[in-house]
Amino acid sequence: MSVKVVTDSVADLPPEVVQELGITVIPLNVRFGQKVYRDGIDLTAEQFYRELTSSKVFPVTSVPSPATFATAYEKLAGETDEILVIMLSSTLSATYEVAVQSIGLMKHKCRVEVIDSRSAVMAQGFLVIHAARAAAAGATMEELIEMVRRDIPRVDLRAAFDTLEYLRRGGRIGAAQALLGAALKINPIITMKNGLVEPVARTRSRKKAIEQLYKFIASYKKIEELAVEEAACPEDADSLTDRLGGLFPKERIYRTKTTPVIGAHTGPGLLLVAVMGDK
């Protein structure tokens, strides 16, 4: 029996990829006041941004319950003896810790290994996709773990924001950076280093911010996977995707929307590129 692969909804995997590769996706939760939604199941990206702009309540996110993980593990235990779990960066969320703790709730014997991706969005998603493909081809658990750990330093991302205010509210970036960005009306660009969100540039216009995203991808000498993601700014994403088609086959570029859980921390206007490759 092949190893089964599990991840969380922050990986932003396209539904067709999830179905094709048999990946199990555990949804995080988004809460508006007393309303709790399972990420990507009870609340689509379009519905989320409509509520975000109309609601007076600021959304908060929460990790899946241990029971949610245990139920998923138990179901897969009926199909395999080994499960590989690739989670959102543990420095951003407690999802990794819950995924590990939930193993002890299982009633059926099954090996479960949990890896901290140190990343998020499709940078995390690429690790999951490659692992699922290798698992389907017959790779052992040890081979998969070695492959994922080898690829973690090879995934990266850049994201352009209209504002850092949402990250500040969620505690994902220092208040000083957010206030500085608001005062200067800049378009900040962030990345992830060692699992943490960090600013890398400040641009004076949306156009220049998008140019920074393009130059980041152009700096790669070898690109294996590429994605363009957006939060309520499809025109910018489409334009960037068309341009990146000159660097990488356009038909192979994943064009996705960021999950509501990400949107709760970034707000609308987020545009990002995720890549797996070598500089």
Protein backbone atom coordinates (compact mmCIF):
# COMPACT_ATOMS: atom_id res chain seq x y z
CA MET A 1 0.00 0.00 0.00
CA SER A 2 1.30 3.45 -0.90
CA VAL A 3 1.89 6.17 1.68
CA LYS A 4 -1.04 8.59 2.00
CA VAL A 5 -0.34 12.32 2.16
CA VAL A 6 -2.16 14.83 4.37
CA THR A 7 -1.88 18.61 4.52
CA ASP A 8 -3.89 21.62 5.72
CA SER A 9 -6.01 24.09 3.79
CA VAL A 10 -3.37 26.84 3.90
CA ALA A 11 -1.43 24.92 1.22
CA ASP A 12 -3.94 26.37 -1.29
CA LEU A 13 -3.98 23.21 -3.39
CA PRO A 14 -6.31 23.33 -6.41
CA PRO A 15 -9.26 20.92 -5.92
CA GLU A 16 -8.44 19.01 -9.10
CA VAL A 17 -4.90 18.33 -7.84
CA VAL A 18 -6.21 17.15 -4.49
CA GLN A 19 -8.55 14.73 -6.22
CA GLU A 20 -6.04 13.51 -8.78
CA LEU A 21 -3.32 12.74 -6.21
CA GLY A 22 -5.60 11.54 -3.42
CA ILE A 23 -4.39 14.17 -0.94
CA THR A 24 -6.31 14.65 2.30
CA VAL A 25 -6.75 18.32 3.22
CA ILE A 26 -7.57 19.29 6.82
CA PRO A 27 -9.41 22.64 6.93
CA LEU A 28 -8.50 25.36 9.40
CA ASN A 29 -11.32 27.51 10.75
CA VAL A 30 -12.40 31.11 10.15
CA ARG A 31 -14.69 32.84 12.63
CA PHE A 32 -16.76 35.98 12.16
CA GLY A 33 -18.20 36.66 15.59
CA GLN A 34 -20.21 33.54 16.50
CA LYS A 35 -20.10 32.10 12.98
CA VAL A 36 -17.42 29.46 12.45
CA TYR A 37 -16.56 28.27 8.95
CA ARG A 38 -14.34 25.43 7.80
CA ASP A 39 -11.78 26.92 5.46
CA GLY A 40 -12.63 26.24 1.82
CA ILE A 41 -15.60 24.03 2.71
CA ASP A 42 -18.23 26.23 4.36
CA LEU A 43 -16.81 29.47 3.00
CA THR A 44 -15.43 30.19 -0.47
CA ALA A 45 -12.87 32.92 -1.13
CA GLU A 46 -15.51 35.06 -2.85
CA GLN A 47 -17.94 34.72 0.06
CA PHE A 48 -15.18 35.49 2.55
CA TYR A 49 -14.12 38.78 0.96
CA ARG A 50 -17.71 39.92 0.64
CA GLU A 51 -18.18 39.33 4.36
CA LEU A 52 -14.78 40.84 5.20
CA THR A 53 -15.69 44.13 3.56
CA SER A 54 -19.25 44.25 4.91
CA SER A 55 -18.84 42.87 8.44
CA LYS A 56 -18.03 45.08 11.41
CA VAL A 57 -16.45 42.06 13.08
CA PHE A 58 -12.79 41.32 12.33
CA PRO A 59 -12.33 37.63 11.43
CA VAL A 60 -10.10 35.35 13.46
CA THR A 61 -8.70 31.95 12.59
CA SER A 62 -8.24 28.78 14.61
CA VAL A 63 -6.57 25.44 14.20
CA PRO A 64 -8.46 22.20 13.52
CA SER A 65 -9.41 20.20 16.58
CA PRO A 66 -7.42 17.08 17.51
CA ALA A 67 -10.57 15.07 16.76
CA THR A 68 -10.58 16.42 13.19
CA PHE A 69 -7.06 15.15 12.62
CA ALA A 70 -7.70 11.84 14.38
CA THR A 71 -10.81 11.20 12.27
CA ALA A 72 -8.84 11.81 9.09
CA TYR A 73 -6.00 9.57 10.26
CA GLU A 74 -8.42 6.79 11.18
CA LYS A 75 -10.07 6.91 7.78
CA LEU A 76 -6.73 6.68 5.99
CA ALA A 77 -5.60 3.87 8.31
CA GLY A 78 -8.19 1.72 6.57
CA GLU A 79 -6.38 2.31 3.28
CA THR A 80 -2.70 2.33 4.25
CA ASP A 81 -0.18 1.52 6.98
CA GLU A 82 1.70 4.83 6.64
CA ILE A 83 0.61 8.47 6.55
CA LEU A 84 2.82 11.49 5.81
CA VAL A 85 1.51 14.83 7.12
CA ILE A 86 2.98 18.11 5.77
CA MET A 87 1.81 21.11 7.77
CA LEU A 88 1.82 24.89 7.73
CA SER A 89 4.84 26.50 9.39
CA SER A 90 4.73 25.88 13.13
CA THR A 91 5.89 29.45 13.79
CA LEU A 92 2.68 30.78 12.22
CA SER A 93 0.17 28.33 13.64
CA ALA A 94 -0.31 25.58 16.21
CA THR A 95 -1.65 23.32 13.46
CA TYR A 96 1.60 21.34 13.36
CA GLU A 97 1.50 20.66 17.11
CA VAL A 98 -2.13 19.55 16.94
CA ALA A 99 -1.34 17.25 14.02
CA VAL A 100 1.35 15.57 16.11
CA GLN A 101 -0.72 15.34 19.29
CA SER A 102 -3.66 13.82 17.42
CA ILE A 103 -1.68 10.70 16.57
CA GLY A 104 -2.17 9.54 20.14
CA LEU A 105 -5.95 9.55 19.68
CA MET A 106 -5.87 6.89 16.97
CA LYS A 107 -7.40 3.52 17.74
CA HIS A 108 -5.94 1.68 14.76
CA LYS A 109 -2.25 0.99 14.34
CA CYS A 110 -0.75 3.14 11.59
CA ARG A 111 2.56 4.95 11.23
CA VAL A 112 2.07 8.73 11.02
CA GLU A 113 4.95 11.11 10.40
CA VAL A 114 4.44 14.90 10.59
CA ILE A 115 6.73 17.42 8.87
CA ASP A 116 6.82 21.17 9.47
CA SER A 117 6.92 22.71 5.98
CA ARG A 118 8.35 25.98 7.36
CA SER A 119 6.20 27.60 4.72
CA ALA A 120 2.63 28.30 3.60
CA VAL A 121 0.39 28.77 0.54
CA MET A 122 1.59 27.08 -2.64
CA ALA A 123 5.21 27.01 -1.46
CA GLN A 124 3.91 24.49 1.07
CA GLY A 125 1.63 23.07 -1.60
CA PHE A 126 4.55 22.19 -3.88
CA LEU A 127 6.09 20.06 -1.13
CA VAL A 128 2.77 18.25 -0.78
CA ILE A 129 2.31 17.75 -4.51
CA HIS A 130 5.79 16.32 -5.00
CA ALA A 131 5.38 14.00 -2.03
CA ALA A 132 2.00 12.77 -3.24
CA ARG A 133 3.33 12.11 -6.73
CA ALA A 134 6.31 10.21 -5.35
CA ALA A 135 4.09 8.23 -2.99
CA ALA A 136 1.84 7.23 -5.88
CA ALA A 137 4.95 6.07 -7.74
CA GLY A 138 5.87 3.77 -4.85
CA ALA A 139 8.31 5.82 -2.76
CA THR A 140 8.82 4.62 0.80
CA MET A 141 8.12 6.75 3.84
CA GLU A 142 11.86 7.25 4.42
CA GLU A 143 12.34 8.36 0.82
CA LEU A 144 9.44 10.79 1.07
CA ILE A 145 10.68 12.32 4.32
CA GLU A 146 14.17 12.78 2.86
CA MET A 147 12.73 14.32 -0.32
CA VAL A 148 10.49 16.79 1.52
CA ARG A 149 13.27 17.91 3.86
CA ARG A 150 15.58 18.35 0.88
CA ASP A 151 12.98 20.43 -0.96
CA ILE A 152 11.99 22.72 1.94
CA PRO A 153 14.92 25.12 1.23
CA ARG A 154 14.03 25.02 -2.48
CA VAL A 155 10.57 26.56 -2.11
CA ASP A 156 10.09 30.28 -1.66
CA LEU A 157 7.52 33.01 -2.12
CA ARG A 158 7.08 36.74 -2.46
CA ALA A 159 3.82 38.51 -1.67
CA ALA A 160 2.73 42.07 -2.39
CA PHE A 161 0.22 43.72 -0.06
CA ASP A 162 -1.91 46.81 -0.28
CA THR A 163 -1.41 47.11 3.48
CA LEU A 164 0.22 45.27 6.38
CA GLU A 165 -2.62 46.24 8.71
CA TYR A 166 -4.24 42.81 8.65
CA LEU A 167 -0.94 41.08 9.46
CA ARG A 168 -0.44 43.53 12.32
CA ARG A 169 -3.89 42.81 13.74
CA GLY A 170 -3.25 39.09 13.57
CA GLY A 171 0.13 39.43 15.26
CA ARG A 172 2.01 37.98 12.30
CA ILE A 173 4.35 40.94 11.82
CA GLY A 174 5.69 43.73 14.03
CA ALA A 175 3.41 46.70 14.65
CA ALA A 176 6.14 49.16 13.68
CA GLN A 177 6.38 47.72 10.19
CA ALA A 178 2.62 47.90 9.71
CA LEU A 179 2.38 51.47 10.95
CA LEU A 180 5.31 52.53 8.79
CA GLY A 181 3.64 51.04 5.75
CA ALA A 182 0.37 52.79 6.46
CA ALA A 183 2.03 56.14 7.02
CA LEU A 184 3.99 56.03 3.77
CA LYS A 185 1.19 54.47 1.74
CA ILE A 186 3.65 51.96 0.37
CA ASN A 187 3.12 48.53 -1.16
CA PRO A 188 5.16 46.20 1.06
CA ILE A 189 6.55 42.88 -0.13
CA ILE A 190 7.09 39.98 2.24
CA THR A 191 8.60 36.52 2.19
CA MET A 192 9.04 33.69 4.70
CA LYS A 193 12.38 32.92 6.34
CA ASN A 194 12.74 30.07 8.81
CA GLY A 195 8.97 29.81 8.88
CA LEU A 196 8.43 33.47 9.80
CA VAL A 197 6.89 36.29 7.78
CA GLU A 198 9.48 38.97 7.00
CA PRO A 199 9.39 42.15 4.89
CA VAL A 200 11.87 42.25 2.02
CA ALA A 201 11.01 45.44 0.13
CA ARG A 202 8.89 48.58 0.16
CA THR A 203 7.64 49.89 -3.15
CA ARG A 204 5.88 53.17 -3.86
CA SER A 205 3.26 51.79 -6.23
CA ARG A 206 1.36 48.62 -7.02
CA LYS A 207 3.04 48.52 -10.43
CA LYS A 208 6.50 48.51 -8.86
CA ALA A 209 5.45 45.86 -6.37
CA ILE A 210 4.33 43.56 -9.17
CA GLU A 211 7.60 44.23 -10.97
CA GLN A 212 9.43 43.02 -7.86
CA LEU A 213 7.47 39.75 -7.96
CA TYR A 214 8.43 39.26 -11.60
CA LYS A 215 12.12 39.98 -10.96
CA PHE A 216 12.13 37.52 -8.08
CA ILE A 217 10.99 34.70 -10.35
CA ALA A 218 13.34 35.84 -13.12
CA SER A 219 16.26 35.40 -10.69
CA TYR A 220 15.82 31.61 -10.80
CA LYS A 221 18.03 29.64 -13.15
CA LYS A 222 15.84 26.54 -12.79
CA ILE A 223 12.12 26.52 -12.04
CA GLU A 224 10.35 23.25 -11.31
CA GLU A 225 7.02 24.59 -10.08
CA LEU A 226 5.43 28.03 -10.20
CA ALA A 227 2.18 29.52 -8.88
CA VAL A 228 0.47 32.89 -8.96
CA GLU A 229 -2.09 33.47 -6.20
CA GLU A 230 -4.39 36.36 -5.41
CA ALA A 231 -6.89 37.65 -2.91
CA ALA A 232 -9.62 39.63 -4.67
CA CYS A 233 -7.30 41.04 -7.37
CA PRO A 234 -7.73 38.65 -10.34
CA GLU A 235 -6.74 41.21 -13.00
CA ASP A 236 -3.30 41.71 -11.45
CA ALA A 237 -2.82 37.94 -11.16
CA ASP A 238 -3.84 37.31 -14.75
CA SER A 239 -1.49 40.00 -16.03
CA LEU A 240 1.43 38.67 -13.99
CA THR A 241 0.71 35.10 -15.10
CA ASP A 242 0.79 36.17 -18.74
CA ARG A 243 4.13 37.87 -18.25
CA LEU A 244 5.65 34.96 -16.32
CA GLY A 245 4.70 32.77 -19.27
CA GLY A 246 7.86 34.10 -20.89
CA LEU A 247 9.97 32.52 -18.15
CA PHE A 248 8.06 29.29 -17.54
CA PRO A 249 5.39 27.46 -19.58
CA LYS A 250 2.18 29.33 -18.85
CA GLU A 251 0.10 26.13 -18.97
CA ARG A 252 2.14 24.79 -16.03
CA ILE A 253 1.68 27.85 -13.81
CA TYR A 254 -0.79 27.20 -11.02
CA ARG A 255 -3.26 30.09 -10.91
CA THR A 256 -5.07 29.98 -7.58
CA LYS A 257 -6.90 32.05 -4.97
CA THR A 258 -5.57 32.30 -1.45
CA THR A 259 -7.68 30.53 1.14
CA PRO A 260 -9.94 32.53 3.50
CA VAL A 261 -7.64 31.68 6.42
CA ILE A 262 -4.83 33.50 4.62
CA GLY A 263 -7.20 36.32 3.68
CA ALA A 264 -8.10 36.86 7.32
CA HIS A 265 -4.47 37.82 7.96
CA THR A 266 -3.73 39.67 4.71
CA GLY A 267 -6.96 41.33 3.64
CA PRO A 268 -7.88 41.88 -0.02
CA GLY A 269 -5.31 42.87 -2.62
CA LEU A 270 -2.72 40.21 -1.80
CA LEU A 271 -0.78 39.05 -4.86
CA LEU A 272 1.91 36.41 -4.52
CA VAL A 273 4.20 34.13 -6.43
CA ALA A 274 5.40 30.78 -5.08
CA VAL A 275 8.22 28.81 -6.64
CA MET A 276 10.17 25.59 -6.31
CA GLY A 277 13.57 25.63 -7.97
CA ASP A 278 17.18 26.72 -7.86
CA LYS A 279 18.72 30.17 -8.13
